[in-house]
Amino acid sequence: DDTGDDDTGDDDTGDDDTGDDDTGDDDTGDDDTGDDDYSGAEPQLSVLAGPITLSTQAAVDGLCDDFHTVAGDLSIVGPLVQDVSLLDCVIEVGGDLRIDGTSVNSVELPALAQLSGDLIVTGNSMLEAGELESLTSVGGRVELSSNDRLVDLTLVSGLSAIGGGLSVHSNGLLVEMALPQLVFLGGDLDLRSNFALVTASLVALSAVGGSLEVRFNDVLEGLDLRSMESVAGSAWIASCLALADLDVGALEEVGDDLYIGGNASLPELDLGSLVTAGAIRLSLNPSQPAIDLSALQSVLQDLQVSNNPSLSALSLPVLGTIGGRFEVAANGGLQQMELASIQSIGGDFVVTANTNLPTDLIQAIVDALGTAGIGGSVTITDNG
């Protein structure tokens, strides 16, 4: 009886358990996966294969009825979208998250904890603020641009790592930029044309994986990059007319050219940790009486210091090599210049129009280098 018909045969394995009841019509078919449970009060949220574009308020409000993750790109676009608060279920976006040209005044995505691609928030004319409280890193780049009413960067203030670049530009009312936790930036740092921006602070950022560009921020008074030790590409801090407080004192290396110029209010420039750079150009900083380059050992290409009328002394005590041109020009207040360790200049030697810099001091530097130490021509004119 036990081994035969009842247990193994008809009842347990056969018609009742495996067949009709458990695996068949009732459990797997109609009830569990079908009509009742999936559409009931407790839906089983799942993954939506992207890319997906939400361009109406109804589409935005309905996403969380069925899904908590978008496997590809998620784009929220167009003026018909006025509110994204009902996207509070979204925990992951496997591609890019783009919020573009909407009418939202706030972006709150409290559950979003993973973003594998880019974060792009652009052209949202009503956007004033936002917060992504669970998001600490972005796999790609971050762009916040042309958001006419955005006043601060609380939206991304919790980020500690950005795999790509960070671009903040053309936000007309942006007053403050503070990213206190950002340590790693894999690409460019682009901060430009924010005409109301007063302070920018990235106090924990240790390195820029690409280039640094801070330009055309007309009322920017303070730029705090106190922990930044290296920039892999070029570094430009230029045309910020009100800039009076610049902290780049930890900077040791710039892979390409370093340009600090056109900053009318910039006083003493502390580059005291800088050891090497691809090229250096320091010019058109009329309020700058002193430049600290006391640790500089090598410049791979050109070194130019020009049109800084308040500069009184230029000391390069440990600089050994300049791969390209050396130019010191039109610094009307310059009285002292030191290159005690210079061994070679690969290009031209040009010192001109420094009306208070003694010519015999300049000539002594040329004589110490000798003809073998200068790869190009020598020009010494219109000095003191």
Protein backbone atom coordinates (compact mmCIF):
# COMPACT_ATOMS: atom_id res chain seq x y z
CA ASP A 1 0.00 0.00 0.00
CA ASP A 2 2.59 2.57 1.04
CA THR A 3 4.97 2.08 -1.85
CA GLY A 4 2.38 1.44 -4.42
CA ASP A 5 -0.60 3.25 -5.66
CA ASP A 6 -1.32 5.85 -3.00
CA ASP A 7 1.86 7.71 -2.09
CA THR A 8 4.01 7.55 -5.20
CA GLY A 9 1.37 7.10 -7.73
CA ASP A 10 -1.93 8.77 -8.07
CA ASP A 11 -2.26 10.91 -4.96
CA ASP A 12 1.02 12.57 -3.99
CA THR A 13 3.11 12.73 -7.12
CA GLY A 14 0.47 12.35 -9.69
CA ASP A 15 -2.79 14.08 -10.16
CA ASP A 16 -3.20 15.99 -6.93
CA ASP A 17 0.16 17.41 -5.81
CA THR A 18 2.26 17.79 -8.94
CA GLY A 19 -0.42 17.90 -11.50
CA ASP A 20 -3.62 19.75 -11.18
CA ASP A 21 -3.49 21.49 -7.82
CA ASP A 22 -0.05 22.78 -6.81
CA THR A 23 1.86 23.36 -10.01
CA GLY A 24 -0.97 23.65 -12.40
CA ASP A 25 -4.02 25.77 -12.48
CA ASP A 26 -4.29 27.13 -8.95
CA ASP A 27 -0.86 28.20 -7.61
CA THR A 28 1.31 28.99 -10.59
CA GLY A 29 -1.33 29.89 -13.05
CA ASP A 30 -4.19 32.02 -12.03
CA ASP A 31 -3.59 33.03 -8.41
CA ASP A 32 0.05 33.88 -7.58
CA THR A 33 1.45 35.38 -10.75
CA GLY A 34 -1.73 36.33 -12.43
CA ASP A 35 -4.62 38.58 -11.73
CA ASP A 36 -5.04 38.58 -7.95
CA ASP A 37 -1.62 39.11 -6.30
CA TYR A 38 0.16 41.23 -8.96
CA SER A 39 -2.57 43.83 -9.17
CA GLY A 40 -3.54 43.77 -5.53
CA ALA A 41 -2.75 46.00 -2.58
CA GLU A 42 0.85 44.73 -2.29
CA PRO A 43 2.35 44.71 -5.83
CA GLN A 44 5.64 42.92 -6.46
CA LEU A 45 7.82 45.77 -7.78
CA SER A 46 10.37 44.78 -10.37
CA VAL A 47 13.00 45.96 -12.84
CA LEU A 48 12.09 47.98 -15.92
CA ALA A 49 14.41 47.58 -18.91
CA GLY A 50 15.42 51.03 -20.15
CA PRO A 51 15.89 53.33 -21.80
CA ILE A 52 12.65 54.97 -20.73
CA THR A 53 11.45 58.55 -21.17
CA LEU A 54 8.80 60.11 -18.95
CA SER A 55 7.40 63.28 -20.52
CA THR A 56 4.01 63.66 -18.83
CA GLN A 57 2.96 63.94 -15.20
CA ALA A 58 0.85 60.80 -15.50
CA ALA A 59 3.83 58.80 -16.74
CA VAL A 60 5.96 60.00 -13.83
CA ASP A 61 3.25 59.28 -11.25
CA GLY A 62 2.64 55.78 -12.60
CA LEU A 63 6.17 54.40 -12.68
CA CYS A 64 6.21 53.30 -9.05
CA ASP A 65 3.01 51.29 -9.47
CA ASP A 66 5.09 48.44 -10.85
CA PHE A 67 8.83 49.21 -10.78
CA HIS A 68 11.62 50.23 -8.39
CA THR A 69 14.62 49.91 -10.73
CA VAL A 70 15.35 51.08 -14.27
CA ALA A 71 18.01 48.90 -15.86
CA GLY A 72 18.99 51.47 -18.49
CA ASP A 73 18.61 55.24 -18.92
CA LEU A 74 15.80 57.15 -17.22
CA SER A 75 14.90 60.52 -18.77
CA ILE A 76 12.39 62.87 -17.20
CA VAL A 77 11.82 65.60 -19.76
CA GLY A 78 9.52 68.39 -20.82
CA PRO A 79 7.41 71.16 -19.28
CA LEU A 80 4.44 68.88 -18.60
CA VAL A 81 6.36 67.32 -15.71
CA GLN A 82 5.80 69.44 -12.60
CA ASP A 83 6.47 67.04 -9.72
CA VAL A 84 8.72 64.00 -9.25
CA SER A 85 7.83 63.23 -5.64
CA LEU A 86 5.99 60.02 -6.58
CA LEU A 87 9.29 58.54 -7.83
CA ASP A 88 10.16 57.92 -4.19
CA CYS A 89 10.33 54.15 -4.83
CA VAL A 90 13.21 54.28 -7.32
CA ILE A 91 16.29 52.71 -5.76
CA GLU A 92 18.54 52.19 -8.79
CA VAL A 93 19.12 53.52 -12.29
CA GLY A 94 21.45 51.33 -14.33
CA GLY A 95 22.22 53.98 -16.95
CA ASP A 96 21.91 57.78 -17.04
CA LEU A 97 19.41 59.85 -15.07
CA ARG A 98 18.41 62.96 -16.99
CA ILE A 99 16.05 65.67 -15.76
CA ASP A 100 15.73 68.10 -18.64
CA GLY A 101 13.46 71.04 -19.38
CA THR A 102 10.84 70.20 -16.77
CA SER A 103 8.70 72.52 -14.64
CA VAL A 104 9.65 70.96 -11.30
CA ASN A 105 10.74 73.25 -8.47
CA SER A 106 12.33 70.49 -6.42
CA VAL A 107 13.95 67.13 -7.08
CA GLU A 108 13.58 64.69 -4.20
CA LEU A 109 14.47 61.04 -4.84
CA PRO A 110 15.00 59.75 -1.29
CA ALA A 111 15.41 56.05 -2.15
CA LEU A 112 17.85 56.39 -5.04
CA ALA A 113 21.06 54.72 -3.85
CA GLN A 114 22.78 53.63 -7.06
CA LEU A 115 23.32 55.49 -10.33
CA SER A 116 25.63 53.74 -12.77
CA GLY A 117 25.67 56.36 -15.53
CA ASP A 118 25.49 60.16 -15.71
CA LEU A 119 23.40 62.55 -13.66
CA ILE A 120 22.26 65.44 -15.84
CA VAL A 121 19.99 68.18 -14.50
CA THR A 122 19.65 70.89 -17.12
CA GLY A 123 17.26 73.51 -18.43
CA ASN A 124 14.75 73.29 -15.58
CA SER A 125 13.56 76.88 -15.37
CA MET A 126 11.61 76.46 -12.11
CA LEU A 127 14.07 74.28 -10.18
CA GLU A 128 15.13 75.86 -6.89
CA ALA A 129 16.42 72.99 -4.75
CA GLY A 130 16.51 69.26 -4.24
CA GLU A 131 18.10 66.37 -2.42
CA LEU A 132 19.28 62.87 -3.28
CA GLU A 133 19.77 61.82 0.31
CA SER A 134 20.71 58.16 -0.30
CA LEU A 135 23.06 58.75 -3.22
CA THR A 136 26.77 58.91 -2.33
CA SER A 137 28.36 58.16 -5.71
CA VAL A 138 27.70 58.49 -9.43
CA GLY A 139 29.32 56.13 -11.91
CA GLY A 140 29.50 58.66 -14.75
CA ARG A 141 29.58 62.45 -14.86
CA VAL A 142 27.43 65.04 -13.12
CA GLU A 143 26.11 68.11 -14.90
CA LEU A 144 23.98 70.90 -13.45
CA SER A 145 23.43 73.60 -16.02
CA SER A 146 21.00 76.31 -17.13
CA ASN A 147 18.71 75.91 -14.13
CA ASP A 148 17.59 79.52 -13.83
CA ARG A 149 16.39 79.49 -10.20
CA LEU A 150 18.81 77.03 -8.59
CA VAL A 151 20.48 78.75 -5.61
CA ASP A 152 22.68 76.01 -4.12
CA LEU A 153 23.91 72.45 -4.76
CA THR A 154 22.19 70.64 -1.91
CA LEU A 155 20.92 68.29 -4.61
CA VAL A 156 24.36 66.64 -4.88
CA SER A 157 25.97 67.70 -1.60
CA GLY A 158 26.09 64.12 -0.31
CA LEU A 159 28.30 62.79 -3.10
CA SER A 160 31.73 61.47 -2.14
CA ALA A 161 32.75 60.06 -5.54
CA ILE A 162 32.02 60.93 -9.16
CA GLY A 163 33.40 58.55 -11.76
CA GLY A 164 33.41 61.13 -14.55
CA GLY A 165 33.49 64.91 -14.53
CA LEU A 166 31.55 67.58 -12.66
CA SER A 167 30.14 70.47 -14.70
CA VAL A 168 28.30 73.34 -13.04
CA HIS A 169 27.62 76.15 -15.48
CA SER A 170 25.14 78.81 -16.54
CA ASN A 171 22.97 78.66 -13.42
CA GLY A 172 21.94 82.31 -13.17
CA LEU A 173 20.92 82.47 -9.48
CA LEU A 174 23.40 79.95 -8.04
CA VAL A 175 24.98 81.69 -5.03
CA GLU A 176 26.77 78.90 -3.17
CA MET A 177 28.45 75.69 -4.25
CA ALA A 178 29.41 73.39 -1.39
CA LEU A 179 30.34 69.74 -1.87
CA PRO A 180 31.94 68.97 1.50
CA GLN A 181 32.14 65.19 1.08
CA LEU A 182 33.44 64.93 -2.48
CA VAL A 183 36.84 63.19 -2.40
CA PHE A 184 37.17 61.55 -5.83
CA LEU A 185 36.53 63.10 -9.23
CA GLY A 186 37.48 60.94 -12.21
CA GLY A 187 37.08 63.57 -14.93
CA ASP A 188 36.98 67.35 -15.44
CA LEU A 189 35.88 69.99 -12.95
CA ASP A 190 34.07 72.68 -14.92
CA LEU A 191 32.76 75.69 -13.01
CA ARG A 192 31.93 78.61 -15.28
CA SER A 193 29.47 81.32 -16.18
CA ASN A 194 27.54 81.23 -12.91
CA PHE A 195 27.09 84.97 -12.66
CA ALA A 196 25.65 85.08 -9.11
CA LEU A 197 28.06 82.56 -7.56
CA VAL A 198 29.86 83.98 -4.50
CA THR A 199 31.57 80.93 -2.93
CA ALA A 200 32.67 77.52 -4.18
CA SER A 201 33.97 74.99 -1.71
CA LEU A 202 35.25 71.46 -2.35
CA VAL A 203 37.31 71.08 0.79
CA ALA A 204 37.77 67.27 0.67
CA LEU A 205 38.61 66.90 -3.03
CA SER A 206 42.09 65.38 -3.30
CA ALA A 207 42.54 65.11 -7.05
CA VAL A 208 40.96 66.03 -10.37
CA GLY A 209 41.20 63.18 -12.88
CA GLY A 210 40.81 65.47 -15.88
CA SER A 211 41.11 69.24 -16.27
CA LEU A 212 40.05 72.06 -13.96
CA GLU A 213 38.27 75.09 -15.40
CA VAL A 214 36.97 77.92 -13.22
CA ARG A 215 36.11 80.86 -15.46
CA PHE A 216 33.69 83.73 -15.99
CA ASN A 217 32.15 83.68 -12.52
CA ASP A 218 31.95 87.45 -12.17
CA VAL A 219 31.15 87.79 -8.46
CA LEU A 220 32.98 84.70 -7.17
CA GLU A 221 34.88 85.80 -4.06
CA GLY A 222 36.11 82.51 -2.60
CA LEU A 223 37.34 79.25 -4.14
CA ASP A 224 38.37 76.62 -1.59
CA LEU A 225 40.27 73.63 -3.00
CA ARG A 226 42.44 73.21 0.08
CA SER A 227 42.96 69.43 -0.23
CA MET A 228 43.54 69.22 -3.99
CA GLU A 229 47.00 67.77 -4.62
CA SER A 230 46.90 67.06 -8.35
CA VAL A 231 45.19 67.90 -11.61
CA ALA A 232 45.81 65.36 -14.36
CA GLY A 233 45.08 67.77 -17.22
CA SER A 234 45.16 71.55 -17.40
CA ALA A 235 44.09 73.91 -14.60
CA TRP A 236 42.57 77.29 -15.49
CA ILE A 237 41.36 79.78 -12.90
CA ALA A 238 40.58 82.85 -14.94
CA SER A 239 38.33 85.86 -15.47
CA CYS A 240 36.82 85.77 -12.00
CA LEU A 241 36.92 89.49 -11.35
CA ALA A 242 35.96 89.44 -7.65
CA LEU A 243 38.09 86.45 -6.61
CA ALA A 244 39.98 87.48 -3.48
CA ASP A 245 40.34 84.20 -1.58
CA LEU A 246 41.88 81.27 -3.47
CA ASP A 247 43.09 78.19 -1.61
CA VAL A 248 45.14 75.81 -3.76
CA GLY A 249 47.95 75.56 -1.26
CA ALA A 250 48.14 71.75 -1.36
CA LEU A 251 48.52 71.53 -5.15
CA GLU A 252 51.67 69.57 -6.07
CA GLU A 253 51.25 68.61 -9.71
CA VAL A 254 49.49 69.82 -12.85
CA GLY A 255 49.83 67.48 -15.83
CA ASP A 256 49.24 70.10 -18.51
CA ASP A 257 49.19 73.91 -18.35
CA LEU A 258 48.42 75.93 -15.24
CA TYR A 259 46.85 79.30 -16.03
CA ILE A 260 45.80 81.78 -13.34
CA GLY A 261 44.91 85.05 -14.97
CA GLY A 262 42.45 87.88 -15.38
CA ASN A 263 41.47 87.86 -11.72
CA ALA A 264 41.42 91.56 -10.87
CA SER A 265 41.02 91.19 -7.08
CA LEU A 266 43.35 88.24 -6.42
CA PRO A 267 46.03 89.08 -3.81
CA GLU A 268 48.96 86.82 -2.83
CA LEU A 269 49.00 83.52 -4.69
CA ASP A 270 50.07 80.49 -2.68
CA LEU A 271 51.46 77.77 -4.92
CA GLY A 272 54.00 76.79 -2.29
CA SER A 273 53.46 73.04 -2.70
CA LEU A 274 53.64 72.96 -6.50
CA VAL A 275 56.53 70.74 -7.68
CA THR A 276 55.88 70.28 -11.39
CA ALA A 277 53.57 71.44 -14.16
CA GLY A 278 53.27 70.99 -17.90
CA ALA A 279 53.32 74.77 -18.40
CA ILE A 280 52.67 77.83 -16.21
CA ARG A 281 51.13 81.15 -17.12
CA LEU A 282 50.42 83.73 -14.42
CA SER A 283 49.15 86.96 -15.92
CA LEU A 284 46.76 89.87 -15.69
CA ASN A 285 46.34 89.71 -11.93
CA PRO A 286 46.79 93.41 -11.11
CA SER A 287 46.33 93.14 -7.32
CA GLN A 288 48.89 90.38 -6.82
CA PRO A 289 52.01 91.48 -4.88
CA ALA A 290 53.52 88.04 -4.33
CA ILE A 291 53.58 84.52 -5.80
CA ASP A 292 54.87 81.57 -3.80
CA LEU A 293 56.56 79.03 -6.08
CA SER A 294 59.12 77.96 -3.52
CA ALA A 295 58.81 74.19 -4.20
CA LEU A 296 58.69 74.32 -8.01
CA GLN A 297 61.34 72.04 -9.55
CA SER A 298 60.39 71.61 -13.19
CA VAL A 299 58.19 73.02 -15.94
CA LEU A 300 57.89 70.77 -18.96
CA GLN A 301 57.01 73.51 -21.43
CA ASP A 302 56.69 77.32 -21.08
CA LEU A 303 56.81 79.49 -17.97
CA GLN A 304 55.29 82.96 -18.33
CA VAL A 305 54.75 85.65 -15.69
CA SER A 306 53.35 88.83 -17.23
CA ASN A 307 51.20 91.90 -16.71
CA ASN A 308 51.06 91.73 -12.94
CA PRO A 309 51.81 95.37 -12.05
CA SER A 310 51.78 94.86 -8.25
CA LEU A 311 54.20 91.91 -8.26
CA SER A 312 57.39 92.96 -6.48
CA ALA A 313 59.44 89.74 -6.38
CA LEU A 314 59.63 86.47 -8.29
CA SER A 315 61.52 83.74 -6.45
CA LEU A 316 62.08 80.30 -7.97
CA PRO A 317 64.75 78.94 -5.61
CA VAL A 318 64.65 75.23 -6.55
CA LEU A 319 63.53 75.41 -10.18
CA GLY A 320 66.00 73.36 -12.20
CA THR A 321 64.55 72.98 -15.70
CA ILE A 322 62.17 74.75 -18.05
CA GLY A 323 61.43 72.70 -21.15
CA GLY A 324 60.21 75.60 -23.29
CA ARG A 325 60.19 79.40 -23.22
CA PHE A 326 60.88 81.53 -20.13
CA GLU A 327 59.11 84.90 -20.23
CA VAL A 328 58.81 87.62 -17.60
CA ALA A 329 57.19 90.70 -19.08
CA ALA A 330 55.36 93.93 -18.19
CA ASN A 331 55.44 93.52 -14.43
CA GLY A 332 55.93 97.18 -13.56
CA GLY A 333 56.54 96.72 -9.84
CA LEU A 334 58.94 93.78 -10.14
CA GLN A 335 62.26 94.48 -8.38
CA GLN A 336 63.68 91.05 -7.58
CA MET A 337 63.98 87.78 -9.55
CA GLU A 338 65.71 84.65 -8.34
CA LEU A 339 66.53 81.45 -10.24
CA ALA A 340 69.27 80.10 -7.99
CA SER A 341 69.01 76.46 -9.15
CA ILE A 342 68.23 76.84 -12.84
CA GLN A 343 70.16 74.43 -15.07
CA SER A 344 68.47 74.66 -18.45
CA ILE A 345 65.85 76.53 -20.45
CA GLY A 346 64.81 74.66 -23.57
CA GLY A 347 63.38 77.63 -25.48
CA ASP A 348 63.76 81.40 -25.57
CA PHE A 349 64.77 83.55 -22.59
CA VAL A 350 62.65 86.72 -22.65
CA VAL A 351 62.66 89.35 -19.89
CA THR A 352 61.20 92.62 -21.04
CA ALA A 353 59.29 95.75 -19.93
CA ASN A 354 59.83 95.23 -16.21
CA THR A 355 60.77 98.83 -15.54
CA ASN A 356 62.00 98.33 -11.96
CA LEU A 357 63.91 95.08 -12.47
CA PRO A 358 67.66 95.70 -12.71
CA THR A 359 69.12 94.65 -16.06
CA ASP A 360 72.39 93.51 -14.48
CA LEU A 361 70.47 91.04 -12.29
CA ILE A 362 68.84 89.55 -15.40
CA GLN A 363 72.14 89.38 -17.23
CA ALA A 364 73.71 87.54 -14.32
CA ILE A 365 71.14 84.77 -14.67
CA VAL A 366 71.88 84.48 -18.41
CA ASP A 367 75.63 84.39 -17.77
CA ALA A 368 75.25 81.64 -15.17
CA LEU A 369 73.29 79.50 -17.61
CA GLY A 370 75.71 80.06 -20.47
CA THR A 371 74.96 79.40 -24.11
CA ALA A 372 74.57 75.68 -23.50
CA GLY A 373 71.87 76.30 -20.90
CA ILE A 374 69.48 78.24 -23.17
CA GLY A 375 68.00 76.47 -26.17
CA GLY A 376 66.60 79.55 -27.91
CA SER A 377 67.29 83.25 -28.25
CA VAL A 378 67.87 85.77 -25.43
CA THR A 379 65.88 88.99 -25.23
CA ILE A 380 66.50 91.53 -22.44
CA THR A 381 64.86 94.90 -23.15
CA ASP A 382 63.18 97.85 -21.42
CA ASN A 383 63.97 96.80 -17.89
CA GLY A 384 65.45 98.87 -15.07
